[in-house]
């Protein structure tokens, strides 16, 4: 058996991280997100979380306390940062060197870009033959 067959596909890794993020929100914030989407792009991981804003943040924003709601969101993201980095490292097998996060109170979305130490090793789910097709005179 080769090492390549043991590696998970990009899609499997993305789903595992998304599920881990939703579990993190449930366990740490007591909040159920509606969806977490992850995309691995070379040495970057893009994460978009739908319905990421908690009820207290929404309440503050709806009552004219947008600045305070933004501060609360920023503090929550700061507290969760280490756990998110650990989750990503555990699933992808590479360290996160930088984490860039922002949220929009109006839409309830949070987006994060994780800059990875290197591109994670993945198995191509639709891998073709490694030989190139003949183009001229075939």
N, C-alpha and C. Protein backbone atom coordinates (compact mmCIF):
# COMPACT_ATOMS: atom_id res chain seq x y z
N UNK A 1 0.83 -1.18 0.00
CA UNK A 1 0.00 0.00 0.00
C UNK A 1 0.88 1.24 0.00
N UNK A 2 0.55 2.22 -0.84
CA UNK A 2 1.36 3.43 -0.91
C UNK A 2 0.83 4.46 0.07
N UNK A 3 1.68 5.43 0.40
CA UNK A 3 1.28 6.50 1.30
C UNK A 3 0.16 7.34 0.73
N UNK A 4 0.10 7.43 -0.62
CA UNK A 4 -0.92 8.26 -1.25
C UNK A 4 -2.32 7.72 -0.98
N UNK A 5 -2.49 6.41 -0.94
CA UNK A 5 -3.83 5.86 -0.73
C UNK A 5 -4.30 6.08 0.70
N UNK A 6 -3.37 6.33 1.63
CA UNK A 6 -3.74 6.56 3.01
C UNK A 6 -4.13 8.01 3.28
N UNK A 7 -3.74 8.91 2.39
CA UNK A 7 -4.05 10.32 2.58
C UNK A 7 -5.51 10.60 2.26
N UNK A 8 -6.17 11.42 3.08
CA UNK A 8 -7.56 11.77 2.79
C UNK A 8 -7.64 12.74 1.61
N UNK A 9 -8.81 12.83 1.02
CA UNK A 9 -9.02 13.77 -0.07
C UNK A 9 -9.16 15.18 0.50
N UNK A 10 -9.00 16.16 -0.36
CA UNK A 10 -9.18 17.56 0.02
C UNK A 10 -10.59 17.76 0.59
N UNK A 11 -11.58 17.20 -0.07
CA UNK A 11 -12.97 17.34 0.38
C UNK A 11 -13.20 16.76 1.76
N UNK A 12 -12.59 15.61 2.02
CA UNK A 12 -12.73 14.98 3.34
C UNK A 12 -12.13 15.87 4.43
N UNK A 13 -10.96 16.43 4.18
CA UNK A 13 -10.32 17.32 5.14
C UNK A 13 -11.17 18.57 5.38
N UNK A 14 -11.70 19.14 4.29
CA UNK A 14 -12.53 20.34 4.41
C UNK A 14 -13.78 20.06 5.23
N UNK A 15 -14.42 18.92 5.00
CA UNK A 15 -15.63 18.56 5.77
C UNK A 15 -15.30 18.31 7.24
N UNK A 16 -14.17 17.67 7.50
CA UNK A 16 -13.77 17.38 8.88
C UNK A 16 -13.53 18.68 9.65
N UNK A 17 -12.86 19.64 9.03
CA UNK A 17 -12.63 20.93 9.69
C UNK A 17 -13.95 21.65 9.91
N UNK A 18 -14.82 21.66 8.91
CA UNK A 18 -16.12 22.33 9.04
C UNK A 18 -16.92 21.75 10.20
N UNK A 19 -16.95 20.43 10.30
CA UNK A 19 -17.66 19.78 11.40
C UNK A 19 -17.02 20.11 12.74
N UNK A 20 -15.70 20.17 12.78
CA UNK A 20 -14.99 20.53 14.00
C UNK A 20 -15.28 21.95 14.44
N UNK A 21 -15.39 22.86 13.49
CA UNK A 21 -15.70 24.26 13.80
C UNK A 21 -17.11 24.36 14.37
N UNK A 22 -18.07 23.66 13.76
CA UNK A 22 -19.43 23.68 14.28
C UNK A 22 -19.49 23.10 15.69
N UNK A 23 -18.73 22.05 15.94
CA UNK A 23 -18.67 21.46 17.28
C UNK A 23 -18.03 22.43 18.27
N UNK A 24 -17.02 23.17 17.83
CA UNK A 24 -16.36 24.16 18.68
C UNK A 24 -17.34 25.26 19.08
N UNK A 25 -18.12 25.75 18.14
CA UNK A 25 -19.12 26.78 18.44
C UNK A 25 -20.16 26.25 19.43
N UNK A 26 -20.59 25.00 19.23
CA UNK A 26 -21.58 24.41 20.15
C UNK A 26 -21.01 24.26 21.55
N UNK A 27 -19.80 23.70 21.65
CA UNK A 27 -19.24 23.40 22.97
C UNK A 27 -18.76 24.65 23.71
N UNK A 28 -18.17 25.59 23.00
CA UNK A 28 -17.59 26.76 23.66
C UNK A 28 -18.55 27.94 23.79
N UNK A 29 -19.43 28.11 22.80
CA UNK A 29 -20.33 29.27 22.81
C UNK A 29 -21.79 28.89 23.05
N UNK A 30 -22.09 27.59 23.04
CA UNK A 30 -23.47 27.16 23.17
C UNK A 30 -24.31 27.66 22.00
N UNK A 31 -23.69 27.76 20.84
CA UNK A 31 -24.34 28.34 19.67
C UNK A 31 -24.28 27.37 18.49
N UNK A 32 -25.39 27.21 17.82
CA UNK A 32 -25.47 26.33 16.65
C UNK A 32 -25.36 27.17 15.38
N UNK A 33 -24.27 27.00 14.64
CA UNK A 33 -24.15 27.68 13.35
C UNK A 33 -24.97 26.91 12.33
N UNK A 34 -25.38 27.58 11.25
CA UNK A 34 -26.17 26.87 10.25
C UNK A 34 -25.28 26.13 9.27
N UNK A 35 -24.06 26.64 9.04
CA UNK A 35 -23.17 25.99 8.08
C UNK A 35 -21.76 26.54 8.24
N UNK A 36 -20.80 25.68 8.04
CA UNK A 36 -19.40 26.10 7.96
C UNK A 36 -18.83 25.52 6.67
N UNK A 37 -18.26 26.38 5.87
CA UNK A 37 -17.67 25.95 4.60
C UNK A 37 -16.18 26.18 4.65
N UNK A 38 -15.41 25.19 4.21
CA UNK A 38 -13.96 25.29 4.21
C UNK A 38 -13.43 24.94 2.83
N UNK A 39 -12.43 25.69 2.40
CA UNK A 39 -11.75 25.42 1.13
C UNK A 39 -10.25 25.53 1.34
N UNK A 40 -9.54 24.48 0.97
CA UNK A 40 -8.08 24.48 1.05
C UNK A 40 -7.56 24.94 -0.31
N UNK A 41 -6.75 25.99 -0.28
CA UNK A 41 -6.13 26.53 -1.49
C UNK A 41 -4.63 26.60 -1.25
N UNK A 42 -3.92 25.56 -1.67
CA UNK A 42 -2.47 25.46 -1.46
C UNK A 42 -2.15 25.57 0.03
N UNK A 43 -1.47 26.66 0.43
CA UNK A 43 -1.11 26.81 1.84
C UNK A 43 -2.04 27.76 2.59
N UNK A 44 -3.29 27.85 2.12
CA UNK A 44 -4.30 28.69 2.77
C UNK A 44 -5.58 27.88 2.96
N UNK A 45 -6.27 28.18 4.05
CA UNK A 45 -7.57 27.56 4.33
C UNK A 45 -8.57 28.69 4.49
N UNK A 46 -9.61 28.68 3.66
CA UNK A 46 -10.66 29.69 3.71
C UNK A 46 -11.86 29.08 4.44
N UNK A 47 -12.36 29.80 5.46
CA UNK A 47 -13.48 29.31 6.25
C UNK A 47 -14.57 30.39 6.25
N UNK A 48 -15.79 30.00 5.92
CA UNK A 48 -16.94 30.90 6.02
C UNK A 48 -17.97 30.21 6.89
N UNK A 49 -18.38 30.89 7.95
CA UNK A 49 -19.36 30.33 8.87
C UNK A 49 -20.65 31.14 8.76
N UNK A 50 -21.72 30.46 8.42
CA UNK A 50 -23.04 31.10 8.34
C UNK A 50 -23.70 31.04 9.71
N UNK A 51 -24.42 32.09 10.07
CA UNK A 51 -25.11 32.18 11.35
C UNK A 51 -24.13 32.01 12.51
N UNK A 52 -23.01 32.74 12.44
CA UNK A 52 -21.96 32.64 13.45
C UNK A 52 -22.18 33.58 14.63
N UNK A 53 -23.01 34.58 14.44
CA UNK A 53 -23.22 35.59 15.48
C UNK A 53 -24.18 35.04 16.54
N UNK A 54 -23.76 35.15 17.80
CA UNK A 54 -24.55 34.60 18.91
C UNK A 54 -25.73 35.52 19.24
N UNK A 55 -26.68 35.00 19.98
CA UNK A 55 -27.87 35.78 20.36
C UNK A 55 -27.51 37.05 21.15
N UNK A 56 -26.60 36.99 22.14
CA UNK A 56 -26.24 38.23 22.84
C UNK A 56 -25.66 39.30 21.91
N UNK A 57 -24.85 38.89 20.93
CA UNK A 57 -24.30 39.84 19.97
C UNK A 57 -25.41 40.46 19.14
N UNK A 58 -26.36 39.63 18.70
CA UNK A 58 -27.50 40.13 17.92
C UNK A 58 -28.31 41.12 18.74
N UNK A 59 -28.55 40.80 19.99
CA UNK A 59 -29.34 41.66 20.88
C UNK A 59 -28.67 43.02 21.04
N UNK A 60 -27.37 43.01 21.25
CA UNK A 60 -26.64 44.27 21.36
C UNK A 60 -26.76 45.09 20.08
N UNK A 61 -26.53 44.45 18.94
CA UNK A 61 -26.59 45.15 17.65
C UNK A 61 -27.98 45.71 17.36
N UNK A 62 -29.02 44.94 17.69
CA UNK A 62 -30.39 45.37 17.42
C UNK A 62 -30.82 46.53 18.32
N UNK A 63 -30.09 46.75 19.41
CA UNK A 63 -30.44 47.81 20.34
C UNK A 63 -29.42 48.95 20.35
N UNK A 64 -28.84 49.18 19.18
CA UNK A 64 -27.97 50.33 18.99
C UNK A 64 -26.58 50.20 19.58
N UNK A 65 -26.18 49.00 19.93
CA UNK A 65 -24.85 48.78 20.52
C UNK A 65 -23.94 48.01 19.56
N UNK A 66 -23.91 48.44 18.29
CA UNK A 66 -23.13 47.75 17.28
C UNK A 66 -21.65 47.69 17.64
N UNK A 67 -21.12 48.79 18.17
CA UNK A 67 -19.70 48.81 18.53
C UNK A 67 -19.40 47.79 19.62
N UNK A 68 -20.26 47.72 20.63
CA UNK A 68 -20.07 46.75 21.70
C UNK A 68 -20.22 45.32 21.17
N UNK A 69 -21.19 45.10 20.29
CA UNK A 69 -21.38 43.77 19.68
C UNK A 69 -20.13 43.38 18.88
N UNK A 70 -19.54 44.33 18.17
CA UNK A 70 -18.31 44.05 17.41
C UNK A 70 -17.15 43.74 18.35
N UNK A 71 -17.08 44.44 19.47
CA UNK A 71 -16.02 44.17 20.45
C UNK A 71 -16.19 42.77 21.05
N UNK A 72 -17.45 42.39 21.35
CA UNK A 72 -17.72 41.06 21.88
C UNK A 72 -17.29 40.01 20.86
N UNK A 73 -17.66 40.19 19.60
CA UNK A 73 -17.29 39.25 18.54
C UNK A 73 -15.78 39.13 18.45
N UNK A 74 -15.09 40.25 18.48
CA UNK A 74 -13.63 40.25 18.40
C UNK A 74 -13.02 39.48 19.57
N UNK A 75 -13.55 39.67 20.76
CA UNK A 75 -13.04 38.96 21.93
C UNK A 75 -13.32 37.46 21.84
N UNK A 76 -14.50 37.10 21.36
CA UNK A 76 -14.83 35.67 21.19
C UNK A 76 -13.87 35.02 20.20
N UNK A 77 -13.62 35.70 19.09
CA UNK A 77 -12.69 35.17 18.08
C UNK A 77 -11.30 35.01 18.67
N UNK A 78 -10.88 35.96 19.49
CA UNK A 78 -9.58 35.90 20.13
C UNK A 78 -9.47 34.70 21.07
N UNK A 79 -10.54 34.46 21.83
CA UNK A 79 -10.56 33.33 22.78
C UNK A 79 -10.55 31.99 22.03
N UNK A 80 -11.24 31.92 20.90
CA UNK A 80 -11.34 30.68 20.14
C UNK A 80 -10.13 30.43 19.23
N UNK A 81 -9.29 31.44 19.05
CA UNK A 81 -8.20 31.35 18.07
C UNK A 81 -7.28 30.14 18.31
N UNK A 82 -6.82 29.94 19.51
CA UNK A 82 -5.90 28.84 19.79
C UNK A 82 -6.56 27.48 19.52
N UNK A 83 -7.83 27.35 19.91
CA UNK A 83 -8.54 26.09 19.68
C UNK A 83 -8.74 25.85 18.19
N UNK A 84 -9.02 26.90 17.43
CA UNK A 84 -9.19 26.77 15.99
C UNK A 84 -7.87 26.38 15.33
N UNK A 85 -6.77 27.01 15.75
CA UNK A 85 -5.45 26.66 15.21
C UNK A 85 -5.12 25.20 15.51
N UNK A 86 -5.43 24.77 16.73
CA UNK A 86 -5.17 23.37 17.11
C UNK A 86 -6.00 22.40 16.27
N UNK A 87 -7.27 22.73 16.04
CA UNK A 87 -8.15 21.90 15.21
C UNK A 87 -7.59 21.76 13.80
N UNK A 88 -7.20 22.88 13.21
CA UNK A 88 -6.66 22.88 11.85
C UNK A 88 -5.38 22.05 11.79
N UNK A 89 -4.49 22.23 12.76
CA UNK A 89 -3.23 21.47 12.77
C UNK A 89 -3.50 19.98 12.92
N UNK A 90 -4.45 19.63 13.78
CA UNK A 90 -4.77 18.22 14.00
C UNK A 90 -5.32 17.57 12.73
N UNK A 91 -6.20 18.28 12.03
CA UNK A 91 -6.83 17.71 10.83
C UNK A 91 -5.89 17.73 9.63
N UNK A 92 -5.21 18.85 9.40
CA UNK A 92 -4.39 19.00 8.20
C UNK A 92 -2.96 18.53 8.38
N UNK A 93 -2.50 18.47 9.62
CA UNK A 93 -1.13 18.05 9.86
C UNK A 93 -0.10 19.12 9.59
N UNK A 94 -0.55 20.37 9.47
CA UNK A 94 0.37 21.50 9.29
C UNK A 94 -0.02 22.63 10.25
N UNK A 95 0.98 23.37 10.66
CA UNK A 95 0.78 24.45 11.62
C UNK A 95 0.21 25.70 10.94
N UNK A 96 -0.63 26.43 11.67
CA UNK A 96 -1.18 27.70 11.20
C UNK A 96 -0.21 28.80 11.61
N UNK A 97 0.27 29.57 10.64
CA UNK A 97 1.21 30.66 10.96
C UNK A 97 0.48 31.98 11.18
N UNK A 98 -0.70 32.13 10.60
CA UNK A 98 -1.47 33.37 10.79
C UNK A 98 -2.94 33.07 10.60
N UNK A 99 -3.77 33.77 11.37
CA UNK A 99 -5.21 33.59 11.30
C UNK A 99 -5.85 34.97 11.16
N UNK A 100 -6.54 35.20 10.05
CA UNK A 100 -7.17 36.48 9.78
C UNK A 100 -8.68 36.27 9.80
N UNK A 101 -9.39 36.96 10.71
CA UNK A 101 -10.81 36.73 10.89
C UNK A 101 -11.58 38.04 10.91
N UNK A 102 -12.78 38.01 10.33
CA UNK A 102 -13.68 39.16 10.39
C UNK A 102 -15.11 38.65 10.38
N UNK A 103 -16.01 39.45 10.93
CA UNK A 103 -17.42 39.08 10.99
C UNK A 103 -18.27 40.26 10.56
N UNK A 104 -19.45 39.95 10.04
CA UNK A 104 -20.42 40.98 9.67
C UNK A 104 -21.68 40.74 10.48
N UNK A 105 -21.98 41.68 11.35
CA UNK A 105 -23.16 41.54 12.21
C UNK A 105 -24.46 41.51 11.39
N UNK A 106 -24.49 42.27 10.30
CA UNK A 106 -25.72 42.36 9.50
C UNK A 106 -26.10 41.02 8.87
N UNK A 107 -25.11 40.28 8.39
CA UNK A 107 -25.40 39.01 7.71
C UNK A 107 -25.21 37.80 8.62
N UNK A 108 -24.50 38.00 9.73
CA UNK A 108 -24.25 36.89 10.65
C UNK A 108 -23.12 35.98 10.21
N UNK A 109 -22.35 36.40 9.21
CA UNK A 109 -21.27 35.56 8.70
C UNK A 109 -19.93 35.93 9.35
N UNK A 110 -19.12 34.91 9.51
CA UNK A 110 -17.73 35.09 9.93
C UNK A 110 -16.86 34.43 8.87
N UNK A 111 -15.78 35.11 8.51
CA UNK A 111 -14.85 34.55 7.54
C UNK A 111 -13.45 34.54 8.15
N UNK A 112 -12.74 33.46 7.90
CA UNK A 112 -11.39 33.32 8.41
C UNK A 112 -10.49 32.80 7.29
N UNK A 113 -9.31 33.37 7.20
CA UNK A 113 -8.28 32.84 6.31
C UNK A 113 -7.15 32.37 7.22
N UNK A 114 -6.85 31.09 7.14
CA UNK A 114 -5.73 30.53 7.90
C UNK A 114 -4.56 30.38 6.93
N UNK A 115 -3.45 31.02 7.26
CA UNK A 115 -2.23 30.87 6.47
C UNK A 115 -1.47 29.71 7.09
N UNK A 116 -1.20 28.70 6.29
CA UNK A 116 -0.58 27.47 6.77
C UNK A 116 0.93 27.50 6.54
N UNK A 117 1.63 26.76 7.37
CA UNK A 117 3.09 26.65 7.25
C UNK A 117 3.48 26.07 5.88
N UNK A 118 2.67 25.15 5.38
CA UNK A 118 2.88 24.57 4.06
C UNK A 118 1.54 23.99 3.59
N UNK A 119 1.47 23.64 2.34
CA UNK A 119 0.26 23.03 1.81
C UNK A 119 0.09 21.63 2.42
N UNK A 120 -1.11 21.29 2.88
CA UNK A 120 -1.31 19.95 3.44
C UNK A 120 -1.24 18.89 2.35
N UNK A 121 -0.86 17.69 2.76
CA UNK A 121 -0.80 16.58 1.81
C UNK A 121 -2.19 15.99 1.66
N UNK A 122 -2.66 15.95 0.43
CA UNK A 122 -3.99 15.42 0.15
C UNK A 122 -3.93 14.47 -1.03
N UNK A 123 -4.90 13.59 -1.07
CA UNK A 123 -5.05 12.68 -2.20
C UNK A 123 -6.04 13.33 -3.14
N UNK A 124 -5.70 13.42 -4.39
CA UNK A 124 -6.60 13.99 -5.39
C UNK A 124 -7.77 13.04 -5.60
N UNK A 125 -8.98 13.53 -5.38
CA UNK A 125 -10.16 12.66 -5.46
C UNK A 125 -10.50 12.25 -6.88
N UNK A 126 -10.04 13.00 -7.87
CA UNK A 126 -10.32 12.62 -9.26
C UNK A 126 -9.01 12.52 -10.03
N UNK A 127 -8.03 11.86 -9.42
CA UNK A 127 -6.71 11.79 -10.04
C UNK A 127 -6.77 11.01 -11.35
N UNK A 128 -6.10 11.55 -12.32
CA UNK A 128 -6.00 10.93 -13.64
C UNK A 128 -4.66 10.24 -13.73
N UNK A 129 -4.44 9.60 -14.82
CA UNK A 129 -3.14 8.97 -15.05
C UNK A 129 -2.06 10.04 -15.00
N UNK A 130 -0.92 9.67 -14.49
CA UNK A 130 0.16 10.64 -14.36
C UNK A 130 0.83 10.93 -15.70
N UNK A 131 0.52 10.16 -16.73
CA UNK A 131 1.12 10.44 -18.05
C UNK A 131 0.25 11.45 -18.78
N UNK A 132 0.87 12.32 -19.50
CA UNK A 132 0.15 13.35 -20.24
C UNK A 132 -0.40 12.75 -21.54
N UNK A 133 -1.62 13.14 -21.92
CA UNK A 133 -2.14 12.64 -23.18
C UNK A 133 -1.36 13.24 -24.35
N UNK A 134 -1.23 12.46 -25.40
CA UNK A 134 -0.54 12.94 -26.58
C UNK A 134 -1.43 13.96 -27.28
N UNK A 135 -0.85 15.09 -27.65
CA UNK A 135 -1.66 16.14 -28.27
C UNK A 135 -1.38 16.26 -29.75
N UNK A 136 -0.16 16.06 -30.19
CA UNK A 136 0.16 16.22 -31.60
C UNK A 136 0.39 14.84 -32.22
N UNK A 137 -0.30 14.58 -33.30
CA UNK A 137 -0.12 13.35 -34.05
C UNK A 137 -0.57 12.10 -33.31
N UNK A 138 -1.57 12.19 -32.45
CA UNK A 138 -2.01 10.98 -31.76
C UNK A 138 -2.87 10.12 -32.62
